[in-house]
């Protein structure tokens, strides 16, 4: 199965490449997640223009759209060509279904509800918090084994986490479009 990058599925940790066959056994209806949410490591949340993030790396952008019980997602990376031309190009995608549930984690003033995403026959167990027009996803935590592979290993880090090879990774905050 195709693995998605840490950010794309720190946003949903490894749901897979996608599926066009919805699972009709999932029962969520229109949820509070309804709509399109965008996270960018830089300042570009719309359009094709891109640049460098605050760390000097090429910007990446992740977009999730929730509709009914369906979820689609795409990850784009910035490509700058000779002559300072270029823009975002899509390098990964996700199609599947989701269901939400009860609060399972409280961190400060934020309460995280369960979010189970099934794509390409695999379910990823994570969560989300809503703060107005912001949608936050918890991070996988390699130190505790919270990788989202089972309900008992539901992703549960509601702050930055140190990831070997990547350093300190901040919790992604998506903005509603």
C-alpha atoms as a PDB file:
ATOM      1  CA  UNK A   1       0.000   0.000   0.000  1.00  0.00           C
ATOM      2  CA  UNK A   2       1.234   3.466  -0.830  1.00  0.00           C
ATOM      3  CA  UNK A   3       2.202   5.442   2.299  1.00  0.00           C
ATOM      4  CA  UNK A   4       1.499   9.147   2.423  1.00  0.00           C
ATOM      5  CA  UNK A   5       3.992  11.608   3.838  1.00  0.00           C
ATOM      6  CA  UNK A   6       4.092  12.308   7.573  1.00  0.00           C
ATOM      7  CA  UNK A   7       2.441  15.705   7.209  1.00  0.00           C
ATOM      8  CA  UNK A   8      -0.260  14.494   4.836  1.00  0.00           C
ATOM      9  CA  UNK A   9      -1.216  11.865   7.289  1.00  0.00           C
ATOM     10  CA  UNK A  10       0.077  13.348  10.419  1.00  0.00           C
ATOM     11  CA  UNK A  11      -2.942  14.801   8.968  1.00  0.00           C
ATOM     12  CA  UNK A  12      -4.197  11.215   8.504  1.00  0.00           C
ATOM     13  CA  UNK A  13      -1.189   8.944   8.996  1.00  0.00           C
ATOM     14  CA  UNK A  14      -0.999   6.464   6.134  1.00  0.00           C
ATOM     15  CA  UNK A  15      -4.550   5.945   4.926  1.00  0.00           C
ATOM     16  CA  UNK A  16      -3.296   4.896   1.516  1.00  0.00           C
ATOM     17  CA  UNK A  17      -3.630   6.070  -2.038  1.00  0.00           C
ATOM     18  CA  UNK A  18      -7.394   6.163  -2.324  1.00  0.00           C
ATOM     19  CA  UNK A  19     -10.398   4.229  -3.440  1.00  0.00           C
ATOM     20  CA  UNK A  20     -13.331   5.040  -5.667  1.00  0.00           C
ATOM     21  CA  UNK A  21     -15.619   2.533  -3.937  1.00  0.00           C
ATOM     22  CA  UNK A  22     -17.383   4.054  -0.920  1.00  0.00           C
ATOM     23  CA  UNK A  23     -18.081   1.832   2.077  1.00  0.00           C
ATOM     24  CA  UNK A  24     -21.837   1.985   2.627  1.00  0.00           C
ATOM     25  CA  UNK A  25     -21.661   0.519   6.140  1.00  0.00           C
ATOM     26  CA  UNK A  26     -20.465   3.831   7.588  1.00  0.00           C
ATOM     27  CA  UNK A  27     -23.287   5.930   8.972  1.00  0.00           C
ATOM     28  CA  UNK A  28     -22.140   9.550   9.421  1.00  0.00           C
ATOM     29  CA  UNK A  29     -24.311  12.246   7.940  1.00  0.00           C
ATOM     30  CA  UNK A  30     -23.365  15.852   7.290  1.00  0.00           C
ATOM     31  CA  UNK A  31     -20.867  16.705  10.004  1.00  0.00           C
ATOM     32  CA  UNK A  32     -19.320  19.810  11.489  1.00  0.00           C
ATOM     33  CA  UNK A  33     -16.337  19.055   9.226  1.00  0.00           C
ATOM     34  CA  UNK A  34     -18.412  19.650   6.078  1.00  0.00           C
ATOM     35  CA  UNK A  35     -16.479  21.725   3.541  1.00  0.00           C
ATOM     36  CA  UNK A  36     -12.911  22.260   2.391  1.00  0.00           C
ATOM     37  CA  UNK A  37      -9.982  22.732   4.785  1.00  0.00           C
ATOM     38  CA  UNK A  38      -6.442  23.758   3.775  1.00  0.00           C
ATOM     39  CA  UNK A  39      -3.087  23.589   5.570  1.00  0.00           C
ATOM     40  CA  UNK A  40       0.016  25.169   4.062  1.00  0.00           C
ATOM     41  CA  UNK A  41       3.554  25.134   5.422  1.00  0.00           C
ATOM     42  CA  UNK A  42       3.923  28.591   3.860  1.00  0.00           C
ATOM     43  CA  UNK A  43       1.529  31.423   3.149  1.00  0.00           C
ATOM     44  CA  UNK A  44      -0.282  30.122   0.044  1.00  0.00           C
ATOM     45  CA  UNK A  45      -3.622  28.439   0.757  1.00  0.00           C
ATOM     46  CA  UNK A  46      -5.148  29.045  -2.695  1.00  0.00           C
ATOM     47  CA  UNK A  47      -3.905  29.435  -6.259  1.00  0.00           C
ATOM     48  CA  UNK A  48      -0.787  28.065  -7.908  1.00  0.00           C
ATOM     49  CA  UNK A  49       1.810  30.521  -6.586  1.00  0.00           C
ATOM     50  CA  UNK A  50       4.209  29.033  -4.046  1.00  0.00           C
ATOM     51  CA  UNK A  51       7.547  29.628  -2.396  1.00  0.00           C
ATOM     52  CA  UNK A  52       9.625  28.678   0.618  1.00  0.00           C
ATOM     53  CA  UNK A  53       8.332  28.074   4.125  1.00  0.00           C
ATOM     54  CA  UNK A  54       9.819  29.662   7.260  1.00  0.00           C
ATOM     55  CA  UNK A  55      12.454  26.915   7.425  1.00  0.00           C
ATOM     56  CA  UNK A  56      13.652  27.595   3.870  1.00  0.00           C
ATOM     57  CA  UNK A  57      12.128  24.400   2.450  1.00  0.00           C
ATOM     58  CA  UNK A  58       9.740  24.291  -0.483  1.00  0.00           C
ATOM     59  CA  UNK A  59       6.186  24.908   0.656  1.00  0.00           C
ATOM     60  CA  UNK A  60       3.667  22.032   0.837  1.00  0.00           C
ATOM     61  CA  UNK A  61      -0.102  22.305   0.947  1.00  0.00           C
ATOM     62  CA  UNK A  62      -2.668  19.731   2.093  1.00  0.00           C
ATOM     63  CA  UNK A  63      -6.377  20.026   1.308  1.00  0.00           C
ATOM     64  CA  UNK A  64      -9.200  17.906   2.732  1.00  0.00           C
ATOM     65  CA  UNK A  65     -12.815  18.082   1.622  1.00  0.00           C
ATOM     66  CA  UNK A  66     -15.540  16.496   3.748  1.00  0.00           C
ATOM     67  CA  UNK A  67     -18.934  15.928   2.141  1.00  0.00           C
ATOM     68  CA  UNK A  68     -21.559  13.690   3.735  1.00  0.00           C
ATOM     69  CA  UNK A  69     -19.468  10.712   4.835  1.00  0.00           C
ATOM     70  CA  UNK A  70     -16.943  11.076   1.989  1.00  0.00           C
ATOM     71  CA  UNK A  71     -13.458  12.533   2.340  1.00  0.00           C
ATOM     72  CA  UNK A  72     -11.048  13.528  -0.389  1.00  0.00           C
ATOM     73  CA  UNK A  73      -7.595  14.904   0.110  1.00  0.00           C
ATOM     74  CA  UNK A  74      -4.624  16.026  -1.880  1.00  0.00           C
ATOM     75  CA  UNK A  75      -1.080  16.976  -1.083  1.00  0.00           C
ATOM     76  CA  UNK A  76       0.748  19.467  -3.271  1.00  0.00           C
ATOM     77  CA  UNK A  77       4.388  20.470  -3.276  1.00  0.00           C
ATOM     78  CA  UNK A  78       5.992  23.609  -4.586  1.00  0.00           C
ATOM     79  CA  UNK A  79       8.132  23.239  -7.686  1.00  0.00           C
ATOM     80  CA  UNK A  80      10.233  26.246  -8.647  1.00  0.00           C
ATOM     81  CA  UNK A  81      11.768  26.038 -12.079  1.00  0.00           C
ATOM     82  CA  UNK A  82      14.503  27.936 -13.879  1.00  0.00           C
ATOM     83  CA  UNK A  83      13.676  31.621 -14.088  1.00  0.00           C
ATOM     84  CA  UNK A  84      11.746  31.550 -10.814  1.00  0.00           C
ATOM     85  CA  UNK A  85       8.640  30.070 -12.458  1.00  0.00           C
ATOM     86  CA  UNK A  86       6.601  27.140 -11.258  1.00  0.00           C
ATOM     87  CA  UNK A  87       3.858  26.447  -8.764  1.00  0.00           C
ATOM     88  CA  UNK A  88       2.168  23.735  -6.770  1.00  0.00           C
ATOM     89  CA  UNK A  89       2.006  20.254  -8.238  1.00  0.00           C
ATOM     90  CA  UNK A  90      -0.070  17.447  -6.746  1.00  0.00           C
ATOM     91  CA  UNK A  91       2.005  14.527  -5.505  1.00  0.00           C
ATOM     92  CA  UNK A  92      -0.476  12.475  -3.464  1.00  0.00           C
ATOM     93  CA  UNK A  93      -4.210  12.016  -3.011  1.00  0.00           C
ATOM     94  CA  UNK A  94      -6.771  10.297  -0.824  1.00  0.00           C
ATOM     95  CA  UNK A  95     -10.359   9.213  -1.412  1.00  0.00           C
ATOM     96  CA  UNK A  96     -12.400   7.429   1.207  1.00  0.00           C
ATOM     97  CA  UNK A  97     -15.079   7.614   3.860  1.00  0.00           C
ATOM     98  CA  UNK A  98     -15.017   8.868   7.427  1.00  0.00           C
ATOM     99  CA  UNK A  99     -16.965   8.747  10.638  1.00  0.00           C
ATOM    100  CA  UNK A 100     -16.689  10.879  13.743  1.00  0.00           C
ATOM    101  CA  UNK A 101     -17.384   9.997  17.347  1.00  0.00           C
ATOM    102  CA  UNK A 102     -17.040  11.018  20.953  1.00  0.00           C
ATOM    103  CA  UNK A 103     -14.394  13.134  22.662  1.00  0.00           C
ATOM    104  CA  UNK A 104     -11.340  11.031  23.501  1.00  0.00           C
ATOM    105  CA  UNK A 105      -8.706  13.672  24.332  1.00  0.00           C
ATOM    106  CA  UNK A 106      -8.817  17.034  26.063  1.00  0.00           C
ATOM    107  CA  UNK A 107      -5.827  19.353  25.870  1.00  0.00           C
ATOM    108  CA  UNK A 108      -6.187  22.783  27.456  1.00  0.00           C
ATOM    109  CA  UNK A 109      -9.370  24.279  26.022  1.00  0.00           C
ATOM    110  CA  UNK A 110      -9.465  21.881  23.069  1.00  0.00           C
ATOM    111  CA  UNK A 111     -11.466  18.674  22.929  1.00  0.00           C
ATOM    112  CA  UNK A 112     -10.576  16.110  20.285  1.00  0.00           C
ATOM    113  CA  UNK A 113     -13.290  13.867  18.856  1.00  0.00           C
ATOM    114  CA  UNK A 114     -12.577  10.569  17.168  1.00  0.00           C
ATOM    115  CA  UNK A 115     -12.130  10.560  13.398  1.00  0.00           C
ATOM    116  CA  UNK A 116     -11.875   7.214  11.611  1.00  0.00           C
ATOM    117  CA  UNK A 117     -10.954   7.316   7.932  1.00  0.00           C
ATOM    118  CA  UNK A 118     -11.181   4.327   5.628  1.00  0.00           C
ATOM    119  CA  UNK A 119      -9.377   4.431   2.302  1.00  0.00           C
ATOM    120  CA  UNK A 120      -8.244   1.635   0.050  1.00  0.00           C
ATOM    121  CA  UNK A 121      -9.443  -0.970   2.566  1.00  0.00           C
ATOM    122  CA  UNK A 122      -7.448   0.429   5.510  1.00  0.00           C
ATOM    123  CA  UNK A 123      -8.833   2.406   8.446  1.00  0.00           C
ATOM    124  CA  UNK A 124      -6.793   5.113  10.142  1.00  0.00           C
ATOM    125  CA  UNK A 125      -7.765   6.059  13.702  1.00  0.00           C
ATOM    126  CA  UNK A 126      -7.141   9.713  14.515  1.00  0.00           C
ATOM    127  CA  UNK A 127      -9.134  12.681  15.771  1.00  0.00           C
ATOM    128  CA  UNK A 128      -9.842  16.363  15.308  1.00  0.00           C
ATOM    129  CA  UNK A 129     -10.618  19.559  17.186  1.00  0.00           C
ATOM    130  CA  UNK A 130     -12.583  22.521  15.831  1.00  0.00           C
ATOM    131  CA  UNK A 131     -11.892  26.068  16.962  1.00  0.00           C
ATOM    132  CA  UNK A 132     -14.068  28.391  14.901  1.00  0.00           C
ATOM    133  CA  UNK A 133     -12.786  28.217  11.314  1.00  0.00           C
ATOM    134  CA  UNK A 134      -9.738  26.148  12.323  1.00  0.00           C
ATOM    135  CA  UNK A 135      -9.531  22.371  12.130  1.00  0.00           C
ATOM    136  CA  UNK A 136      -6.705  20.709  14.075  1.00  0.00           C
ATOM    137  CA  UNK A 137      -5.384  17.184  13.725  1.00  0.00           C
ATOM    138  CA  UNK A 138      -3.331  15.443  16.406  1.00  0.00           C
ATOM    139  CA  UNK A 139       0.095  14.058  15.545  1.00  0.00           C
ATOM    140  CA  UNK A 140       1.345  10.490  15.597  1.00  0.00           C
ATOM    141  CA  UNK A 141       3.746   9.914  18.472  1.00  0.00           C
ATOM    142  CA  UNK A 142       6.542   7.424  17.723  1.00  0.00           C
ATOM    143  CA  UNK A 143       7.579   7.439  21.391  1.00  0.00           C
ATOM    144  CA  UNK A 144       4.223   6.039  22.569  1.00  0.00           C
ATOM    145  CA  UNK A 145       3.286   3.957  19.527  1.00  0.00           C
ATOM    146  CA  UNK A 146       0.214   6.119  18.829  1.00  0.00           C
ATOM    147  CA  UNK A 147       0.370   5.618  15.069  1.00  0.00           C
ATOM    148  CA  UNK A 148      -3.372   5.296  14.310  1.00  0.00           C
ATOM    149  CA  UNK A 149      -3.179   1.710  13.117  1.00  0.00           C
ATOM    150  CA  UNK A 150      -5.781   0.461  15.627  1.00  0.00           C
ATOM    151  CA  UNK A 151      -8.340   2.114  17.927  1.00  0.00           C
ATOM    152  CA  UNK A 152      -5.995   1.399  20.870  1.00  0.00           C
ATOM    153  CA  UNK A 153      -3.211   3.265  19.010  1.00  0.00           C
ATOM    154  CA  UNK A 154      -5.398   6.253  18.073  1.00  0.00           C
ATOM    155  CA  UNK A 155      -3.274   9.307  17.229  1.00  0.00           C
ATOM    156  CA  UNK A 156      -3.304  11.438  20.343  1.00  0.00           C
ATOM    157  CA  UNK A 157      -0.603  14.112  20.518  1.00  0.00           C
ATOM    158  CA  UNK A 158      -2.239  17.535  20.637  1.00  0.00           C
ATOM    159  CA  UNK A 159       1.015  19.511  20.481  1.00  0.00           C
ATOM    160  CA  UNK A 160       4.363  19.471  18.707  1.00  0.00           C
ATOM    161  CA  UNK A 161       6.187  16.157  18.736  1.00  0.00           C
ATOM    162  CA  UNK A 162       9.817  15.267  18.050  1.00  0.00           C
ATOM    163  CA  UNK A 163      10.057  12.852  15.168  1.00  0.00           C
ATOM    164  CA  UNK A 164      13.427  11.218  14.398  1.00  0.00           C
ATOM    165  CA  UNK A 165      14.646  12.371  10.989  1.00  0.00           C
ATOM    166  CA  UNK A 166      12.127  15.221  10.840  1.00  0.00           C
ATOM    167  CA  UNK A 167      12.861  17.065  14.088  1.00  0.00           C
ATOM    168  CA  UNK A 168      10.142  18.979  15.895  1.00  0.00           C
ATOM    169  CA  UNK A 169       6.882  18.681  13.958  1.00  0.00           C
ATOM    170  CA  UNK A 170       4.076  21.140  14.720  1.00  0.00           C
ATOM    171  CA  UNK A 171       0.442  20.121  14.861  1.00  0.00           C
ATOM    172  CA  UNK A 172      -1.201  21.018  11.533  1.00  0.00           C
ATOM    173  CA  UNK A 173      -3.948  23.627  11.698  1.00  0.00           C
ATOM    174  CA  UNK A 174      -6.279  23.736   8.688  1.00  0.00           C
ATOM    175  CA  UNK A 175      -8.305  26.812   7.759  1.00  0.00           C
ATOM    176  CA  UNK A 176     -11.802  26.509   6.284  1.00  0.00           C
ATOM    177  CA  UNK A 177     -12.042  27.831   2.727  1.00  0.00           C
END
